[in-house]
Amino acid sequence: MHPEVEAHIRSFPKETQEKLEELRSFLLNAVDGMEETKSYGIPTLKLNGKNFIHYAGYAHHIGLYPGAGPIKELSEELNGFKFAKGSIQLPLNQELPLELIQKIIQIKLKSIKKP
């Protein structure tokens, strides 16, 4: 557990902390070898020493930052979420879309393995 990530999570109300912990655990367990750190001032998971995905808590949502590739590929599935070129807002008043997040992870893994 990274102390700066712990501090980020603890800075939010209990309900938000629970969502952040759920996302954190899901991401850490999604791929073997994930390393937790903080980059760009927010919790970041690295794979093979490179930034893989970022996330952060906010007042009304959790920001997930997978980069542009997964967002573009899944744009139709992201209907109902606020999203931009490299980010998705996951509302705190909804369950985390773990199936969608798993798809994002798979797209990211495929992009890493391309020569």
C-alpha atoms as a PDB file:
ATOM      1  CA  MET A   1       0.000   0.000   0.000  1.00  0.00           C
ATOM      2  CA  HIS A   2       1.352   3.336  -1.064  1.00  0.00           C
ATOM      3  CA  PRO A   3       1.098   5.951   1.747  1.00  0.00           C
ATOM      4  CA  GLU A   4       0.247   8.848  -0.618  1.00  0.00           C
ATOM      5  CA  VAL A   5      -2.535   6.796  -2.226  1.00  0.00           C
ATOM      6  CA  GLU A   6      -3.843   5.919   1.236  1.00  0.00           C
ATOM      7  CA  ALA A   7      -3.846   9.624   2.150  1.00  0.00           C
ATOM      8  CA  HIS A   8      -5.720  10.504  -1.065  1.00  0.00           C
ATOM      9  CA  ILE A   9      -8.412   7.938  -0.309  1.00  0.00           C
ATOM     10  CA  ARG A  10      -8.703   8.924   3.378  1.00  0.00           C
ATOM     11  CA  SER A  11      -9.266  12.573   2.390  1.00  0.00           C
ATOM     12  CA  PHE A  12     -12.813  11.753   1.216  1.00  0.00           C
ATOM     13  CA  PRO A  13     -16.066  10.937   3.035  1.00  0.00           C
ATOM     14  CA  LYS A  14     -16.590   7.294   4.038  1.00  0.00           C
ATOM     15  CA  GLU A  15     -18.864   6.427   1.088  1.00  0.00           C
ATOM     16  CA  THR A  16     -16.341   7.818  -1.391  1.00  0.00           C
ATOM     17  CA  GLN A  17     -13.505   6.018   0.384  1.00  0.00           C
ATOM     18  CA  GLU A  18     -15.379   2.736  -0.026  1.00  0.00           C
ATOM     19  CA  LYS A  19     -15.808   3.287  -3.786  1.00  0.00           C
ATOM     20  CA  LEU A  20     -12.163   4.287  -4.191  1.00  0.00           C
ATOM     21  CA  GLU A  21     -11.040   1.206  -2.257  1.00  0.00           C
ATOM     22  CA  GLU A  22     -13.282  -1.010  -4.397  1.00  0.00           C
ATOM     23  CA  LEU A  23     -11.818   0.448  -7.596  1.00  0.00           C
ATOM     24  CA  ARG A  24      -8.281   0.286  -6.243  1.00  0.00           C
ATOM     25  CA  SER A  25      -8.623  -3.361  -5.267  1.00  0.00           C
ATOM     26  CA  PHE A  26     -10.226  -4.263  -8.606  1.00  0.00           C
ATOM     27  CA  LEU A  27      -7.456  -2.573 -10.581  1.00  0.00           C
ATOM     28  CA  LEU A  28      -4.634  -4.017  -8.477  1.00  0.00           C
ATOM     29  CA  ASN A  29      -6.032  -7.529  -8.872  1.00  0.00           C
ATOM     30  CA  ALA A  30      -6.872  -7.212 -12.577  1.00  0.00           C
ATOM     31  CA  VAL A  31      -3.338  -7.746 -13.844  1.00  0.00           C
ATOM     32  CA  ASP A  32      -0.367  -9.470 -12.235  1.00  0.00           C
ATOM     33  CA  GLY A  33       2.537  -7.158 -11.562  1.00  0.00           C
ATOM     34  CA  MET A  34       0.640  -3.902 -11.044  1.00  0.00           C
ATOM     35  CA  GLU A  35       2.542  -1.403  -8.915  1.00  0.00           C
ATOM     36  CA  GLU A  36       0.808   1.341  -6.993  1.00  0.00           C
ATOM     37  CA  THR A  37       2.217   4.853  -6.965  1.00  0.00           C
ATOM     38  CA  LYS A  38       1.122   8.442  -7.330  1.00  0.00           C
ATOM     39  CA  SER A  39       1.669  10.347 -10.563  1.00  0.00           C
ATOM     40  CA  TYR A  40       0.274  13.689 -11.740  1.00  0.00           C
ATOM     41  CA  GLY A  41      -0.872  14.098  -8.136  1.00  0.00           C
ATOM     42  CA  ILE A  42      -3.324  11.172  -8.278  1.00  0.00           C
ATOM     43  CA  PRO A  43      -3.263   7.417  -7.606  1.00  0.00           C
ATOM     44  CA  THR A  44      -1.617   5.577 -10.484  1.00  0.00           C
ATOM     45  CA  LEU A  45      -1.037   1.956 -11.334  1.00  0.00           C
ATOM     46  CA  LYS A  46       2.075   1.047 -13.256  1.00  0.00           C
ATOM     47  CA  LEU A  47       2.746  -2.065 -15.249  1.00  0.00           C
ATOM     48  CA  ASN A  48       6.307  -2.956 -16.208  1.00  0.00           C
ATOM     49  CA  GLY A  49       7.441   0.408 -14.864  1.00  0.00           C
ATOM     50  CA  LYS A  50       5.088   2.451 -17.074  1.00  0.00           C
ATOM     51  CA  ASN A  51       1.917   4.312 -16.138  1.00  0.00           C
ATOM     52  CA  PHE A  52      -1.023   2.027 -16.923  1.00  0.00           C
ATOM     53  CA  ILE A  53      -4.110   3.745 -15.472  1.00  0.00           C
ATOM     54  CA  HIS A  54      -4.875   6.605 -13.105  1.00  0.00           C
ATOM     55  CA  TYR A  55      -7.872   7.297 -10.875  1.00  0.00           C
ATOM     56  CA  ALA A  56      -8.916   9.941  -8.377  1.00  0.00           C
ATOM     57  CA  GLY A  57     -11.737  10.903  -6.087  1.00  0.00           C
ATOM     58  CA  TYR A  58     -13.797  14.061  -6.491  1.00  0.00           C
ATOM     59  CA  ALA A  59     -16.875  15.519  -4.825  1.00  0.00           C
ATOM     60  CA  HIS A  60     -19.441  13.768  -7.027  1.00  0.00           C
ATOM     61  CA  HIS A  61     -17.511  11.197  -9.049  1.00  0.00           C
ATOM     62  CA  ILE A  62     -14.403   9.101  -9.403  1.00  0.00           C
ATOM     63  CA  GLY A  63     -12.221  10.014 -12.331  1.00  0.00           C
ATOM     64  CA  LEU A  64     -10.753   7.101 -14.277  1.00  0.00           C
ATOM     65  CA  TYR A  65      -7.940   7.968 -16.677  1.00  0.00           C
ATOM     66  CA  PRO A  66      -7.137   5.089 -19.033  1.00  0.00           C
ATOM     67  CA  GLY A  67      -5.943   7.228 -21.938  1.00  0.00           C
ATOM     68  CA  ALA A  68      -7.497   7.922 -25.328  1.00  0.00           C
ATOM     69  CA  GLY A  69      -7.404   4.427 -26.882  1.00  0.00           C
ATOM     70  CA  PRO A  70      -9.929   2.668 -24.641  1.00  0.00           C
ATOM     71  CA  ILE A  71     -12.205   5.720 -24.607  1.00  0.00           C
ATOM     72  CA  LYS A  72     -12.302   5.829 -28.394  1.00  0.00           C
ATOM     73  CA  GLU A  73     -12.836   2.076 -28.731  1.00  0.00           C
ATOM     74  CA  LEU A  74     -15.603   1.954 -26.117  1.00  0.00           C
ATOM     75  CA  SER A  75     -17.285   5.281 -26.864  1.00  0.00           C
ATOM     76  CA  GLU A  76     -20.683   3.670 -27.523  1.00  0.00           C
ATOM     77  CA  GLU A  77     -20.546   1.704 -24.260  1.00  0.00           C
ATOM     78  CA  LEU A  78     -19.710   4.909 -22.415  1.00  0.00           C
ATOM     79  CA  ASN A  79     -23.101   6.456 -23.175  1.00  0.00           C
ATOM     80  CA  GLY A  80     -24.564   7.525 -19.860  1.00  0.00           C
ATOM     81  CA  PHE A  81     -21.154   8.555 -18.487  1.00  0.00           C
ATOM     82  CA  LYS A  82     -19.408  11.883 -18.822  1.00  0.00           C
ATOM     83  CA  PHE A  83     -16.200  11.238 -20.684  1.00  0.00           C
ATOM     84  CA  ALA A  84     -13.526  13.069 -22.632  1.00  0.00           C
ATOM     85  CA  LYS A  85     -10.529  12.071 -24.738  1.00  0.00           C
ATOM     86  CA  GLY A  86      -8.734  10.224 -21.940  1.00  0.00           C
ATOM     87  CA  SER A  87     -11.062  10.264 -18.937  1.00  0.00           C
ATOM     88  CA  ILE A  88     -14.330   8.879 -17.629  1.00  0.00           C
ATOM     89  CA  GLN A  89     -16.399  10.178 -14.726  1.00  0.00           C
ATOM     90  CA  LEU A  90     -17.880   7.392 -12.612  1.00  0.00           C
ATOM     91  CA  PRO A  91     -20.730   8.880 -10.523  1.00  0.00           C
ATOM     92  CA  LEU A  92     -20.553   8.160  -6.813  1.00  0.00           C
ATOM     93  CA  ASN A  93     -24.290   7.449  -6.696  1.00  0.00           C
ATOM     94  CA  GLN A  94     -23.959   4.440  -9.041  1.00  0.00           C
ATOM     95  CA  GLU A  95     -22.263   1.063  -8.751  1.00  0.00           C
ATOM     96  CA  LEU A  96     -18.818   0.896 -10.312  1.00  0.00           C
ATOM     97  CA  PRO A  97     -19.109  -0.488 -13.863  1.00  0.00           C
ATOM     98  CA  LEU A  98     -16.603  -3.297 -13.250  1.00  0.00           C
ATOM     99  CA  GLU A  99     -17.345  -5.093 -16.537  1.00  0.00           C
ATOM    100  CA  LEU A 100     -16.631  -1.894 -18.446  1.00  0.00           C
ATOM    101  CA  ILE A 101     -13.459  -1.302 -16.440  1.00  0.00           C
ATOM    102  CA  GLN A 102     -12.354  -4.861 -17.230  1.00  0.00           C
ATOM    103  CA  LYS A 103     -12.848  -4.145 -20.949  1.00  0.00           C
ATOM    104  CA  ILE A 104     -10.755  -0.995 -20.584  1.00  0.00           C
ATOM    105  CA  ILE A 105      -7.982  -3.021 -18.951  1.00  0.00           C
ATOM    106  CA  GLN A 106      -8.064  -5.613 -21.745  1.00  0.00           C
ATOM    107  CA  ILE A 107      -7.797  -2.898 -24.405  1.00  0.00           C
ATOM    108  CA  LYS A 108      -4.863  -1.353 -22.553  1.00  0.00           C
ATOM    109  CA  LEU A 109      -3.129  -4.731 -22.305  1.00  0.00           C
ATOM    110  CA  LYS A 110      -3.575  -5.362 -26.048  1.00  0.00           C
ATOM    111  CA  SER A 111      -2.081  -1.962 -26.853  1.00  0.00           C
ATOM    112  CA  ILE A 112       0.972  -2.744 -24.703  1.00  0.00           C
ATOM    113  CA  LYS A 113       1.582  -6.050 -26.470  1.00  0.00           C
ATOM    114  CA  LYS A 114       1.519  -4.528 -29.963  1.00  0.00           C
ATOM    115  CA  PRO A 115       5.002  -4.326 -31.489  1.00  0.00           C
END
